[in-house]
Amino acid sequence: MSDKKIVVPEGMLEAVVAVSPQADRPSREFAREFYRPLLEAALEWLSEHPIVPIDKEVEEILDKVEPYRNWPEMVKRVVEIWQRQMFIAPGSHPNDNKINKELADLLRPEMGIVEAMN
C-alpha cells in the first residue's frame, strides 16, 4: 500500500464485521483488525481509480435533482445520488423495484434523495 492514509468509515467496517462468519471471528476486535487493511486497500484503489459516471448516468442524475440557487447543495445531492448507485448491479437499481426499506432509512429525507430516486 502507498503512504496515503485511508480512513475506513466506521459503519463500513462494522458492516463487514457483522457479516463475517462466526467461525472466523474469535473476537470482534480481531475481526475489525483483520478486515480493516482489506478495506483500506479497496478504498485506496478506489481513490486512485474513481468510478466516473458516463454521460447518460450524469444526465439521469441531473434529471432527478431539482435545480438549486445554491450550487454547493445541488452538487452535494448529485454526488450523494451517484455514490449511492455506483455499486448497484445493473438491473437491480432502486428505480427498478422501488427503494427497499433499508436503503430508504439510510437516505437523508431532508435532502430529498428518496424522492429524487423514485
PDB file of N, CA and C in Angstrom:
ATOM      1  N   MET A   1       0.828  -1.177   0.000  1.00  0.00           N
ATOM      2  CA  MET A   1       0.000   0.000   0.000  1.00  0.00           C
ATOM      3  C   MET A   1       0.873   1.241   0.000  1.00  0.00           C
ATOM      4  N   SER A   2       0.341   2.330  -0.479  1.00  0.00           N
ATOM      5  CA  SER A   2       1.084   3.579  -0.524  1.00  0.00           C
ATOM      6  C   SER A   2       1.130   4.218   0.858  1.00  0.00           C
ATOM      7  N   ASP A   3       1.742   5.395   0.911  1.00  0.00           N
ATOM      8  CA  ASP A   3       1.816   6.131   2.168  1.00  0.00           C
ATOM      9  C   ASP A   3       0.555   6.923   2.457  1.00  0.00           C
ATOM     10  N   LYS A   4      -0.416   6.870   1.546  1.00  0.00           N
ATOM     11  CA  LYS A   4      -1.674   7.580   1.769  1.00  0.00           C
ATOM     12  C   LYS A   4      -2.355   7.033   3.004  1.00  0.00           C
ATOM     13  N   LYS A   5      -2.916   7.920   3.787  1.00  0.00           N
ATOM     14  CA  LYS A   5      -3.702   7.474   4.937  1.00  0.00           C
ATOM     15  C   LYS A   5      -5.148   7.340   4.478  1.00  0.00           C
ATOM     16  N   ILE A   6      -5.631   6.134   4.466  1.00  0.00           N
ATOM     17  CA  ILE A   6      -7.008   5.848   4.065  1.00  0.00           C
ATOM     18  C   ILE A   6      -7.837   5.680   5.331  1.00  0.00           C
ATOM     19  N   VAL A   7      -8.941   6.370   5.375  1.00  0.00           N
ATOM     20  CA  VAL A   7      -9.836   6.276   6.521  1.00  0.00           C
ATOM     21  C   VAL A   7     -11.000   5.362   6.139  1.00  0.00           C
ATOM     22  N   VAL A   8     -11.117   4.267   6.857  1.00  0.00           N
ATOM     23  CA  VAL A   8     -12.236   3.352   6.647  1.00  0.00           C
ATOM     24  C   VAL A   8     -13.397   3.860   7.488  1.00  0.00           C
ATOM     25  N   PRO A   9     -14.521   4.198   6.846  1.00  0.00           N
ATOM     26  CA  PRO A   9     -15.669   4.638   7.641  1.00  0.00           C
ATOM     27  C   PRO A   9     -16.075   3.559   8.644  1.00  0.00           C
ATOM     28  N   GLU A  10     -16.339   3.982   9.857  1.00  0.00           N
ATOM     29  CA  GLU A  10     -16.665   3.038  10.930  1.00  0.00           C
ATOM     30  C   GLU A  10     -17.849   2.147  10.555  1.00  0.00           C
ATOM     31  N   GLY A  11     -18.854   2.727   9.933  1.00  0.00           N
ATOM     32  CA  GLY A  11     -20.025   1.945   9.536  1.00  0.00           C
ATOM     33  C   GLY A  11     -19.682   0.880   8.514  1.00  0.00           C
ATOM     34  N   MET A  12     -18.745   1.180   7.601  1.00  0.00           N
ATOM     35  CA  MET A  12     -18.327   0.205   6.598  1.00  0.00           C
ATOM     36  C   MET A  12     -17.622  -0.970   7.273  1.00  0.00           C
ATOM     37  N   LEU A  13     -16.736  -0.660   8.206  1.00  0.00           N
ATOM     38  CA  LEU A  13     -16.021  -1.710   8.922  1.00  0.00           C
ATOM     39  C   LEU A  13     -16.996  -2.570   9.725  1.00  0.00           C
ATOM     40  N   GLU A  14     -17.926  -1.937  10.405  1.00  0.00           N
ATOM     41  CA  GLU A  14     -18.918  -2.682  11.189  1.00  0.00           C
ATOM     42  C   GLU A  14     -19.790  -3.563  10.299  1.00  0.00           C
ATOM     43  N   ALA A  15     -20.120  -3.090   9.099  1.00  0.00           N
ATOM     44  CA  ALA A  15     -20.936  -3.894   8.178  1.00  0.00           C
ATOM     45  C   ALA A  15     -20.193  -5.166   7.779  1.00  0.00           C
ATOM     46  N   VAL A  16     -18.899  -5.063   7.545  1.00  0.00           N
ATOM     47  CA  VAL A  16     -18.094  -6.236   7.175  1.00  0.00           C
ATOM     48  C   VAL A  16     -17.971  -7.183   8.358  1.00  0.00           C
ATOM     49  N   VAL A  17     -17.700  -6.641   9.527  1.00  0.00           N
ATOM     50  CA  VAL A  17     -17.571  -7.481  10.719  1.00  0.00           C
ATOM     51  C   VAL A  17     -18.889  -8.208  11.002  1.00  0.00           C
ATOM     52  N   ALA A  18     -19.997  -7.509  10.791  1.00  0.00           N
ATOM     53  CA  ALA A  18     -21.312  -8.097  11.079  1.00  0.00           C
ATOM     54  C   ALA A  18     -21.626  -9.301  10.193  1.00  0.00           C
ATOM     55  N   VAL A  19     -21.112  -9.328   8.972  1.00  0.00           N
ATOM     56  CA  VAL A  19     -21.418 -10.452   8.076  1.00  0.00           C
ATOM     57  C   VAL A  19     -20.298 -11.479   8.019  1.00  0.00           C
ATOM     58  N   SER A  20     -19.227 -11.264   8.768  1.00  0.00           N
ATOM     59  CA  SER A  20     -18.156 -12.252   8.759  1.00  0.00           C
ATOM     60  C   SER A  20     -18.631 -13.507   9.478  1.00  0.00           C
ATOM     61  N   PRO A  21     -18.209 -14.670   8.972  1.00  0.00           N
ATOM     62  CA  PRO A  21     -18.656 -15.935   9.583  1.00  0.00           C
ATOM     63  C   PRO A  21     -18.214 -16.021  11.048  1.00  0.00           C
ATOM     64  N   GLN A  22     -19.097 -16.538  11.897  1.00  0.00           N
ATOM     65  CA  GLN A  22     -18.791 -16.652  13.323  1.00  0.00           C
ATOM     66  C   GLN A  22     -17.529 -17.487  13.555  1.00  0.00           C
ATOM     67  N   ALA A  23     -17.334 -18.545  12.760  1.00  0.00           N
ATOM     68  CA  ALA A  23     -16.169 -19.417  12.942  1.00  0.00           C
ATOM     69  C   ALA A  23     -14.865 -18.656  12.701  1.00  0.00           C
ATOM     70  N   ASP A  24     -14.913 -17.668  11.846  1.00  0.00           N
ATOM     71  CA  ASP A  24     -13.718 -16.887  11.542  1.00  0.00           C
ATOM     72  C   ASP A  24     -13.554 -15.690  12.472  1.00  0.00           C
ATOM     73  N   ARG A  25     -14.393 -15.596  13.473  1.00  0.00           N
ATOM     74  CA  ARG A  25     -14.397 -14.391  14.299  1.00  0.00           C
ATOM     75  C   ARG A  25     -14.207 -14.738  15.769  1.00  0.00           C
ATOM     76  N   PRO A  26     -12.949 -15.006  16.181  1.00  0.00           N
ATOM     77  CA  PRO A  26     -12.736 -15.327  17.586  1.00  0.00           C
ATOM     78  C   PRO A  26     -13.077 -14.156  18.497  1.00  0.00           C
ATOM     79  N   SER A  27     -12.895 -12.952  18.004  1.00  0.00           N
ATOM     80  CA  SER A  27     -13.312 -11.779  18.772  1.00  0.00           C
ATOM     81  C   SER A  27     -13.642 -10.659  17.803  1.00  0.00           C
ATOM     82  N   ARG A  28     -14.514  -9.789  18.238  1.00  0.00           N
ATOM     83  CA  ARG A  28     -14.912  -8.660  17.397  1.00  0.00           C
ATOM     84  C   ARG A  28     -13.706  -7.783  17.071  1.00  0.00           C
ATOM     85  N   GLU A  29     -12.838  -7.559  18.043  1.00  0.00           N
ATOM     86  CA  GLU A  29     -11.666  -6.710  17.820  1.00  0.00           C
ATOM     87  C   GLU A  29     -10.713  -7.358  16.810  1.00  0.00           C
ATOM     88  N   PHE A  30     -10.535  -8.680  16.896  1.00  0.00           N
ATOM     89  CA  PHE A  30      -9.693  -9.369  15.916  1.00  0.00           C
ATOM     90  C   PHE A  30     -10.268  -9.186  14.516  1.00  0.00           C
ATOM     91  N   ALA A  31     -11.583  -9.347  14.384  1.00  0.00           N
ATOM     92  CA  ALA A  31     -12.225  -9.203  13.074  1.00  0.00           C
ATOM     93  C   ALA A  31     -12.033  -7.788  12.545  1.00  0.00           C
ATOM     94  N   ARG A  32     -12.200  -6.799  13.407  1.00  0.00           N
ATOM     95  CA  ARG A  32     -12.019  -5.403  12.975  1.00  0.00           C
ATOM     96  C   ARG A  32     -10.593  -5.190  12.459  1.00  0.00           C
ATOM     97  N   GLU A  33      -9.619  -5.714  13.178  1.00  0.00           N
ATOM     98  CA  GLU A  33      -8.220  -5.526  12.756  1.00  0.00           C
ATOM     99  C   GLU A  33      -7.880  -6.378  11.525  1.00  0.00           C
ATOM    100  N   PHE A  34      -8.539  -7.510  11.367  1.00  0.00           N
ATOM    101  CA  PHE A  34      -8.319  -8.360  10.198  1.00  0.00           C
ATOM    102  C   PHE A  34      -8.872  -7.701   8.929  1.00  0.00           C
ATOM    103  N   TYR A  35     -10.082  -7.146   9.024  1.00  0.00           N
ATOM    104  CA  TYR A  35     -10.747  -6.590   7.838  1.00  0.00           C
ATOM    105  C   TYR A  35     -10.332  -5.161   7.514  1.00  0.00           C
ATOM    106  N   ARG A  36      -9.875  -4.400   8.502  1.00  0.00           N
ATOM    107  CA  ARG A  36      -9.510  -3.001   8.249  1.00  0.00           C
ATOM    108  C   ARG A  36      -8.495  -2.860   7.112  1.00  0.00           C
ATOM    109  N   PRO A  37      -7.367  -3.601   7.098  1.00  0.00           N
ATOM    110  CA  PRO A  37      -6.407  -3.433   5.986  1.00  0.00           C
ATOM    111  C   PRO A  37      -6.988  -3.834   4.627  1.00  0.00           C
ATOM    112  N   LEU A  38      -7.906  -4.788   4.625  1.00  0.00           N
ATOM    113  CA  LEU A  38      -8.537  -5.178   3.364  1.00  0.00           C
ATOM    114  C   LEU A  38      -9.397  -4.036   2.823  1.00  0.00           C
ATOM    115  N   LEU A  39     -10.168  -3.433   3.715  1.00  0.00           N
ATOM    116  CA  LEU A  39     -10.995  -2.297   3.306  1.00  0.00           C
ATOM    117  C   LEU A  39     -10.126  -1.100   2.935  1.00  0.00           C
ATOM    118  N   GLU A  40      -9.037  -0.872   3.666  1.00  0.00           N
ATOM    119  CA  GLU A  40      -8.130   0.222   3.328  1.00  0.00           C
ATOM    120  C   GLU A  40      -7.584   0.040   1.910  1.00  0.00           C
ATOM    121  N   ALA A  41      -7.193  -1.191   1.575  1.00  0.00           N
ATOM    122  CA  ALA A  41      -6.663  -1.457   0.234  1.00  0.00           C
ATOM    123  C   ALA A  41      -7.723  -1.198  -0.836  1.00  0.00           C
ATOM    124  N   ALA A  42      -8.937  -1.640  -0.581  1.00  0.00           N
ATOM    125  CA  ALA A  42     -10.019  -1.422  -1.553  1.00  0.00           C
ATOM    126  C   ALA A  42     -10.321   0.066  -1.704  1.00  0.00           C
ATOM    127  N   LEU A  43     -10.370   0.792  -0.593  1.00  0.00           N
ATOM    128  CA  LEU A  43     -10.655   2.227  -0.660  1.00  0.00           C
ATOM    129  C   LEU A  43      -9.500   3.005  -1.288  1.00  0.00           C
ATOM    130  N   GLU A  44      -8.276   2.561  -1.042  1.00  0.00           N
ATOM    131  CA  GLU A  44      -7.122   3.204  -1.690  1.00  0.00           C
ATOM    132  C   GLU A  44      -7.214   3.003  -3.203  1.00  0.00           C
ATOM    133  N   TRP A  45      -7.534   1.782  -3.622  1.00  0.00           N
ATOM    134  CA  TRP A  45      -7.690   1.525  -5.059  1.00  0.00           C
ATOM    135  C   TRP A  45      -8.764   2.437  -5.637  1.00  0.00           C
ATOM    136  N   LEU A  46      -9.888   2.530  -4.935  1.00  0.00           N
ATOM    137  CA  LEU A  46     -10.985   3.360  -5.420  1.00  0.00           C
ATOM    138  C   LEU A  46     -10.578   4.833  -5.483  1.00  0.00           C
ATOM    139  N   SER A  47      -9.784   5.282  -4.518  1.00  0.00           N
ATOM    140  CA  SER A  47      -9.353   6.685  -4.541  1.00  0.00           C
ATOM    141  C   SER A  47      -8.419   6.955  -5.717  1.00  0.00           C
ATOM    142  N   GLU A  48      -7.706   5.949  -6.164  1.00  0.00           N
ATOM    143  CA  GLU A  48      -6.791   6.107  -7.304  1.00  0.00           C
ATOM    144  C   GLU A  48      -7.465   5.792  -8.641  1.00  0.00           C
ATOM    145  N   HIS A  49      -8.583   5.098  -8.602  1.00  0.00           N
ATOM    146  CA  HIS A  49      -9.322   4.716  -9.804  1.00  0.00           C
ATOM    147  C   HIS A  49     -10.797   5.059  -9.603  1.00  0.00           C
ATOM    148  N   PRO A  50     -11.116   6.345  -9.516  1.00  0.00           N
ATOM    149  CA  PRO A  50     -12.510   6.709  -9.224  1.00  0.00           C
ATOM    150  C   PRO A  50     -13.467   6.197 -10.288  1.00  0.00           C
ATOM    151  N   ILE A  51     -14.642   5.835  -9.847  1.00  0.00           N
ATOM    152  CA  ILE A  51     -15.697   5.398 -10.757  1.00  0.00           C
ATOM    153  C   ILE A  51     -16.414   6.662 -11.218  1.00  0.00           C
ATOM    154  N   VAL A  52     -16.255   6.966 -12.472  1.00  0.00           N
ATOM    155  CA  VAL A  52     -16.817   8.192 -13.025  1.00  0.00           C
ATOM    156  C   VAL A  52     -18.061   7.834 -13.829  1.00  0.00           C
ATOM    157  N   PRO A  53     -19.160   8.528 -13.556  1.00  0.00           N
ATOM    158  CA  PRO A  53     -20.375   8.207 -14.304  1.00  0.00           C
ATOM    159  C   PRO A  53     -20.229   8.570 -15.783  1.00  0.00           C
ATOM    160  N   ILE A  54     -20.845   7.750 -16.621  1.00  0.00           N
ATOM    161  CA  ILE A  54     -20.862   8.078 -18.047  1.00  0.00           C
ATOM    162  C   ILE A  54     -21.890   9.187 -18.268  1.00  0.00           C
ATOM    163  N   ASP A  55     -21.852   9.804 -19.430  1.00  0.00           N
ATOM    164  CA  ASP A  55     -22.733  10.934 -19.714  1.00  0.00           C
ATOM    165  C   ASP A  55     -24.202  10.608 -19.451  1.00  0.00           C
ATOM    166  N   LYS A  56     -24.638   9.413 -19.862  1.00  0.00           N
ATOM    167  CA  LYS A  56     -26.039   9.032 -19.670  1.00  0.00           C
ATOM    168  C   LYS A  56     -26.392   9.003 -18.185  1.00  0.00           C
ATOM    169  N   GLU A  57     -25.492   8.471 -17.360  1.00  0.00           N
ATOM    170  CA  GLU A  57     -25.745   8.408 -15.921  1.00  0.00           C
ATOM    171  C   GLU A  57     -25.802   9.810 -15.312  1.00  0.00           C
ATOM    172  N   VAL A  58     -24.928  10.699 -15.786  1.00  0.00           N
ATOM    173  CA  VAL A  58     -24.939  12.083 -15.304  1.00  0.00           C
ATOM    174  C   VAL A  58     -26.275  12.731 -15.656  1.00  0.00           C
ATOM    175  N   GLU A  59     -26.716  12.530 -16.880  1.00  0.00           N
ATOM    176  CA  GLU A  59     -27.998  13.103 -17.310  1.00  0.00           C
ATOM    177  C   GLU A  59     -29.148  12.570 -16.460  1.00  0.00           C
ATOM    178  N   GLU A  60     -29.142  11.255 -16.174  1.00  0.00           N
ATOM    179  CA  GLU A  60     -30.203  10.659 -15.358  1.00  0.00           C
ATOM    180  C   GLU A  60     -30.206  11.244 -13.951  1.00  0.00           C
ATOM    181  N   ILE A  61     -29.029  11.441 -13.386  1.00  0.00           N
ATOM    182  CA  ILE A  61     -28.946  12.023 -12.045  1.00  0.00           C
ATOM    183  C   ILE A  61     -29.439  13.463 -12.071  1.00  0.00           C
ATOM    184  N   LEU A  62     -28.995  14.222 -13.056  1.00  0.00           N
ATOM    185  CA  LEU A  62     -29.410  15.628 -13.128  1.00  0.00           C
ATOM    186  C   LEU A  62     -30.908  15.759 -13.335  1.00  0.00           C
ATOM    187  N   ASP A  63     -31.513  14.799 -14.032  1.00  0.00           N
ATOM    188  CA  ASP A  63     -32.968  14.816 -14.212  1.00  0.00           C
ATOM    189  C   ASP A  63     -33.699  14.624 -12.884  1.00  0.00           C
ATOM    190  N   LYS A  64     -33.045  13.948 -11.929  1.00  0.00           N
ATOM    191  CA  LYS A  64     -33.658  13.659 -10.633  1.00  0.00           C
ATOM    192  C   LYS A  64     -33.467  14.787  -9.622  1.00  0.00           C
ATOM    193  N   VAL A  65     -32.546  15.676  -9.900  1.00  0.00           N
ATOM    194  CA  VAL A  65     -32.200  16.716  -8.939  1.00  0.00           C
ATOM    195  C   VAL A  65     -32.810  18.036  -9.375  1.00  0.00           C
ATOM    196  N   GLU A  66     -33.581  18.620  -8.477  1.00  0.00           N
ATOM    197  CA  GLU A  66     -34.170  19.924  -8.777  1.00  0.00           C
ATOM    198  C   GLU A  66     -33.063  20.971  -8.800  1.00  0.00           C
ATOM    199  N   PRO A  67     -33.169  21.916  -9.710  1.00  0.00           N
ATOM    200  CA  PRO A  67     -32.159  22.972  -9.719  1.00  0.00           C
ATOM    201  C   PRO A  67     -32.217  23.796  -8.424  1.00  0.00           C
ATOM    202  N   TYR A  68     -31.089  24.150  -7.952  1.00  0.00           N
ATOM    203  CA  TYR A  68     -30.980  24.956  -6.746  1.00  0.00           C
ATOM    204  C   TYR A  68     -30.287  26.264  -7.072  1.00  0.00           C
ATOM    205  N   ARG A  69     -30.632  27.283  -6.339  1.00  0.00           N
ATOM    206  CA  ARG A  69     -29.868  28.525  -6.466  1.00  0.00           C
ATOM    207  C   ARG A  69     -28.536  28.354  -5.748  1.00  0.00           C
ATOM    208  N   ASN A  70     -28.523  27.461  -4.789  1.00  0.00           N
ATOM    209  CA  ASN A  70     -27.335  27.183  -4.005  1.00  0.00           C
ATOM    210  C   ASN A  70     -26.588  26.019  -4.666  1.00  0.00           C
ATOM    211  N   TRP A  71     -25.604  26.333  -5.497  1.00  0.00           N
ATOM    212  CA  TRP A  71     -24.880  25.303  -6.242  1.00  0.00           C
ATOM    213  C   TRP A  71     -24.208  24.270  -5.357  1.00  0.00           C
ATOM    214  N   PRO A  72     -23.594  24.666  -4.242  1.00  0.00           N
ATOM    215  CA  PRO A  72     -22.976  23.622  -3.397  1.00  0.00           C
ATOM    216  C   PRO A  72     -23.973  22.556  -2.944  1.00  0.00           C
ATOM    217  N   GLU A  73     -25.206  22.957  -2.616  1.00  0.00           N
ATOM    218  CA  GLU A  73     -26.214  21.978  -2.210  1.00  0.00           C
ATOM    219  C   GLU A  73     -26.589  21.060  -3.370  1.00  0.00           C
ATOM    220  N   MET A  74     -26.698  21.604  -4.559  1.00  0.00           N
ATOM    221  CA  MET A  74     -27.026  20.784  -5.722  1.00  0.00           C
ATOM    222  C   MET A  74     -25.908  19.785  -6.003  1.00  0.00           C
ATOM    223  N   VAL A  75     -24.676  20.251  -5.940  1.00  0.00           N
ATOM    224  CA  VAL A  75     -23.536  19.355  -6.180  1.00  0.00           C
ATOM    225  C   VAL A  75     -23.517  18.243  -5.134  1.00  0.00           C
ATOM    226  N   LYS A  76     -23.767  18.585  -3.869  1.00  0.00           N
ATOM    227  CA  LYS A  76     -23.804  17.560  -2.821  1.00  0.00           C
ATOM    228  C   LYS A  76     -24.866  16.508  -3.117  1.00  0.00           C
ATOM    229  N   ARG A  77     -26.033  16.939  -3.575  1.00  0.00           N
ATOM    230  CA  ARG A  77     -27.108  15.982  -3.892  1.00  0.00           C
ATOM    231  C   ARG A  77     -26.705  15.079  -5.038  1.00  0.00           C
ATOM    232  N   VAL A  78     -26.095  15.650  -6.083  1.00  0.00           N
ATOM    233  CA  VAL A  78     -25.667  14.847  -7.232  1.00  0.00           C
ATOM    234  C   VAL A  78     -24.637  13.814  -6.788  1.00  0.00           C
ATOM    235  N   VAL A  79     -23.657  14.242  -6.012  1.00  0.00           N
ATOM    236  CA  VAL A  79     -22.620  13.324  -5.536  1.00  0.00           C
ATOM    237  C   VAL A  79     -23.234  12.244  -4.658  1.00  0.00           C
ATOM    238  N   GLU A  80     -24.151  12.629  -3.791  1.00  0.00           N
ATOM    239  CA  GLU A  80     -24.791  11.662  -2.902  1.00  0.00           C
ATOM    240  C   GLU A  80     -25.569  10.614  -3.698  1.00  0.00           C
ATOM    241  N   ILE A  81     -26.316  11.037  -4.690  1.00  0.00           N
ATOM    242  CA  ILE A  81     -27.064  10.084  -5.524  1.00  0.00           C
ATOM    243  C   ILE A  81     -26.105   9.155  -6.246  1.00  0.00           C
ATOM    244  N   TRP A  82     -25.038   9.707  -6.842  1.00  0.00           N
ATOM    245  CA  TRP A  82     -24.076   8.864  -7.565  1.00  0.00           C
ATOM    246  C   TRP A  82     -23.422   7.868  -6.628  1.00  0.00           C
ATOM    247  N   GLN A  83     -23.016   8.336  -5.459  1.00  0.00           N
ATOM    248  CA  GLN A  83     -22.345   7.454  -4.513  1.00  0.00           C
ATOM    249  C   GLN A  83     -23.255   6.313  -4.093  1.00  0.00           C
ATOM    250  N   ARG A  84     -24.536   6.556  -3.969  1.00  0.00           N
ATOM    251  CA  ARG A  84     -25.477   5.514  -3.566  1.00  0.00           C
ATOM    252  C   ARG A  84     -25.744   4.512  -4.687  1.00  0.00           C
ATOM    253  N   GLN A  85     -25.626   4.926  -5.940  1.00  0.00           N
ATOM    254  CA  GLN A  85     -26.000   3.998  -7.019  1.00  0.00           C
ATOM    255  C   GLN A  85     -24.810   3.384  -7.749  1.00  0.00           C
ATOM    256  N   MET A  86     -23.585   3.857  -7.527  1.00  0.00           N
ATOM    257  CA  MET A  86     -22.475   3.398  -8.361  1.00  0.00           C
ATOM    258  C   MET A  86     -22.102   1.933  -8.158  1.00  0.00           C
ATOM    259  N   PHE A  87     -22.459   1.318  -7.056  1.00  0.00           N
ATOM    260  CA  PHE A  87     -22.131  -0.087  -6.845  1.00  0.00           C
ATOM    261  C   PHE A  87     -23.329  -1.013  -7.003  1.00  0.00           C
ATOM    262  N   ILE A  88     -24.475  -0.457  -7.350  1.00  0.00           N
ATOM    263  CA  ILE A  88     -25.664  -1.290  -7.530  1.00  0.00           C
ATOM    264  C   ILE A  88     -25.575  -2.001  -8.881  1.00  0.00           C
ATOM    265  N   ALA A  89     -25.761  -3.299  -8.864  1.00  0.00           N
ATOM    266  CA  ALA A  89     -25.642  -4.103 -10.083  1.00  0.00           C
ATOM    267  C   ALA A  89     -26.681  -3.681 -11.117  1.00  0.00           C
ATOM    268  N   PRO A  90     -26.290  -3.721 -12.399  1.00  0.00           N
ATOM    269  CA  PRO A  90     -27.264  -3.401 -13.451  1.00  0.00           C
ATOM    270  C   PRO A  90     -28.486  -4.295 -13.327  1.00  0.00           C
ATOM    271  N   GLY A  91     -29.647  -3.695 -13.511  1.00  0.00           N
ATOM    272  CA  GLY A  91     -30.888  -4.464 -13.418  1.00  0.00           C
ATOM    273  C   GLY A  91     -31.449  -4.530 -12.012  1.00  0.00           C
ATOM    274  N   SER A  92     -30.677  -4.074 -11.014  1.00  0.00           N
ATOM    275  CA  SER A  92     -31.192  -4.092  -9.647  1.00  0.00           C
ATOM    276  C   SER A  92     -31.158  -2.697  -9.041  1.00  0.00           C
ATOM    277  N   HIS A  93     -31.140  -1.703  -9.893  1.00  0.00           N
ATOM    278  CA  HIS A  93     -31.144  -0.320  -9.424  1.00  0.00           C
ATOM    279  C   HIS A  93     -32.426  -0.062  -8.658  1.00  0.00           C
ATOM    280  N   PRO A  94     -32.356   0.737  -7.586  1.00  0.00           N
ATOM    281  CA  PRO A  94     -33.568   1.003  -6.797  1.00  0.00           C
ATOM    282  C   PRO A  94     -34.743   1.495  -7.631  1.00  0.00           C
ATOM    283  N   ASN A  95     -34.490   2.177  -8.730  1.00  0.00           N
ATOM    284  CA  ASN A  95     -35.597   2.641  -9.560  1.00  0.00           C
ATOM    285  C   ASN A  95     -36.339   1.484 -10.214  1.00  0.00           C
ATOM    286  N   ASP A  96     -35.672   0.331 -10.356  1.00  0.00           N
ATOM    287  CA  ASP A  96     -36.306  -0.821 -10.983  1.00  0.00           C
ATOM    288  C   ASP A  96     -37.395  -1.418 -10.101  1.00  0.00           C
ATOM    289  N   ASN A  97     -37.198  -1.445  -8.794  1.00  0.00           N
ATOM    290  CA  ASN A  97     -38.134  -2.100  -7.873  1.00  0.00           C
ATOM    291  C   ASN A  97     -38.425  -1.266  -6.637  1.00  0.00           C
ATOM    292  N   LYS A  98     -38.426   0.013  -6.755  1.00  0.00           N
ATOM    293  CA  LYS A  98     -38.596   0.927  -5.616  1.00  0.00           C
ATOM    294  C   LYS A  98     -37.465   0.702  -4.614  1.00  0.00           C
ATOM    295  N   ILE A  99     -37.164   1.709  -3.887  1.00  0.00           N
ATOM    296  CA  ILE A  99     -36.089   1.601  -2.898  1.00  0.00           C
ATOM    297  C   ILE A  99     -36.569   0.745  -1.740  1.00  0.00           C
ATOM    298  N   ASN A 100     -35.728  -0.224  -1.365  1.00  0.00           N
ATOM    299  CA  ASN A 100     -36.143  -1.060  -0.235  1.00  0.00           C
ATOM    300  C   ASN A 100     -36.035  -0.266   1.060  1.00  0.00           C
ATOM    301  N   LYS A 101     -36.704  -0.749   2.078  1.00  0.00           N
ATOM    302  CA  LYS A 101     -36.809  -0.007   3.333  1.00  0.00           C
ATOM    303  C   LYS A 101     -35.435   0.278   3.936  1.00  0.00           C
ATOM    304  N   GLU A 102     -34.522  -0.686   3.890  1.00  0.00           N
ATOM    305  CA  GLU A 102     -33.209  -0.478   4.496  1.00  0.00           C
ATOM    306  C   GLU A 102     -32.474   0.685   3.837  1.00  0.00           C
ATOM    307  N   LEU A 103     -32.522   0.745   2.507  1.00  0.00           N
ATOM    308  CA  LEU A 103     -31.854   1.824   1.799  1.00  0.00           C
ATOM    309  C   LEU A 103     -32.565   3.144   2.065  1.00  0.00           C
ATOM    310  N   ALA A 104     -33.871   3.134   2.064  1.00  0.00           N
ATOM    311  CA  ALA A 104     -34.635   4.356   2.307  1.00  0.00           C
ATOM    312  C   ALA A 104     -34.320   4.929   3.682  1.00  0.00           C
ATOM    313  N   ASP A 105     -34.109   4.056   4.673  1.00  0.00           N
ATOM    314  CA  ASP A 105     -33.781   4.529   6.020  1.00  0.00           C
ATOM    315  C   ASP A 105     -32.434   5.238   6.059  1.00  0.00           C
ATOM    316  N   LEU A 106     -31.528   4.860   5.156  1.00  0.00           N
ATOM    317  CA  LEU A 106     -30.208   5.486   5.120  1.00  0.00           C
ATOM    318  C   LEU A 106     -30.217   6.831   4.408  1.00  0.00           C
ATOM    319  N   LEU A 107     -31.177   7.023   3.531  1.00  0.00           N
ATOM    320  CA  LEU A 107     -31.217   8.248   2.744  1.00  0.00           C
ATOM    321  C   LEU A 107     -31.674   9.413   3.603  1.00  0.00           C
ATOM    322  N   ARG A 108     -31.175  10.568   3.278  1.00  0.00           N
ATOM    323  CA  ARG A 108     -31.485  11.755   4.062  1.00  0.00           C
ATOM    324  C   ARG A 108     -32.721  12.430   3.497  1.00  0.00           C
ATOM    325  N   PRO A 109     -33.885  12.266   4.148  1.00  0.00           N
ATOM    326  CA  PRO A 109     -35.119  12.835   3.613  1.00  0.00           C
ATOM    327  C   PRO A 109     -35.062  14.352   3.485  1.00  0.00           C
ATOM    328  N   GLU A 110     -34.322  15.010   4.374  1.00  0.00           N
ATOM    329  CA  GLU A 110     -34.271  16.470   4.298  1.00  0.00           C
ATOM    330  C   GLU A 110     -33.593  16.964   3.028  1.00  0.00           C
ATOM    331  N   MET A 111     -32.828  16.099   2.362  1.00  0.00           N
ATOM    332  CA  MET A 111     -32.176  16.485   1.102  1.00  0.00           C
ATOM    333  C   MET A 111     -33.010  16.078  -0.106  1.00  0.00           C
ATOM    334  N   GLY A 112     -34.095  15.350   0.123  1.00  0.00           N
ATOM    335  CA  GLY A 112     -34.967  14.955  -0.980  1.00  0.00           C
ATOM    336  C   GLY A 112     -34.411  13.822  -1.822  1.00  0.00           C
ATOM    337  N   ILE A 113     -33.461  13.059  -1.279  1.00  0.00           N
ATOM    338  CA  ILE A 113     -32.828  11.994  -2.076  1.00  0.00           C
ATOM    339  C   ILE A 113     -33.824  10.888  -2.384  1.00  0.00           C
ATOM    340  N   VAL A 114     -34.634  10.488  -1.422  1.00  0.00           N
ATOM    341  CA  VAL A 114     -35.596   9.412  -1.663  1.00  0.00           C
ATOM    342  C   VAL A 114     -36.519   9.812  -2.800  1.00  0.00           C
ATOM    343  N   GLU A 115     -37.032  11.029  -2.736  1.00  0.00           N
ATOM    344  CA  GLU A 115     -37.939  11.484  -3.782  1.00  0.00           C
ATOM    345  C   GLU A 115     -37.228  11.560  -5.123  1.00  0.00           C
ATOM    346  N   ALA A 116     -35.966  11.982  -5.104  1.00  0.00           N
ATOM    347  CA  ALA A 116     -35.219  12.127  -6.348  1.00  0.00           C
ATOM    348  C   ALA A 116     -34.966  10.780  -7.009  1.00  0.00           C
ATOM    349  N   MET A 117     -34.842   9.715  -6.205  1.00  0.00           N
ATOM    350  CA  MET A 117     -34.527   8.411  -6.777  1.00  0.00           C
ATOM    351  C   MET A 117     -35.783   7.651  -7.174  1.00  0.00           C
ATOM    352  N   ASN A 118     -36.954   8.065  -6.715  1.00  0.00           N
ATOM    353  CA  ASN A 118     -38.199   7.369  -7.070  1.00  0.00           C
ATOM    354  C   ASN A 118     -38.659   7.757  -8.440  1.00  0.00           C
TER     355      ASN A 118
END
